[in-house]
Amino acid sequence: MFFWAGVVFLLIALGASFGILWSTFNAGFTLTSKTDWIEPAIWLVLTWGVFGFLAAGSFHISRSRFDSSVVNVEGKVKFVKVEKEEEIQSIDGRRSTQSIEEYELRVGGIVFENVEEDLLDIIEQGDTYAFYYTKDTKDILSCEFISKGK
């Protein structure tokens, strides 16, 4: 899909370029007058800047090996509070690190990082759930209660 979107963006840029050049030559274009070639040059640069950027992005996404298929895992829920170092940059450009705390949700050998703390109020640790998530990004799409923990 993204490959064809890139092709469409290139075709739009080619069509717009043809239109710009066609109208320029029909208006009596001459190389000796700067005003005759500055405006079309600006429009060509803008056209190819915008649509070229969109086409390049589309082609890049189409080549990525991103797997967004939905998979599931079932098991007892465990929440773990972890401490990570995060690099921050101040206004004056200096870099430093700060320690941040976040929660991980662990189910059946799968770790979901940086889950919302509110989830601890909704799901009880030790209960069995089935989680449905995207394979590569591990974005949780939904979960299903299976049984109460013992």
Foldseek 3Di string as FASTA:
>chain_A
DLQVVLVVLVVVLVVVLVVLVVVLVVVPADPVDPVSPPVSVVVNCVSCVVSVVSSVVSVVVVPDPFFFDKDKAKAFKDKDKDKDWDWDADPVGDIDIDIDIAIWIDGRRDIDTRDDPVVCVVDPGQFMKMWMATDPNRDTDDMGGDGGGD
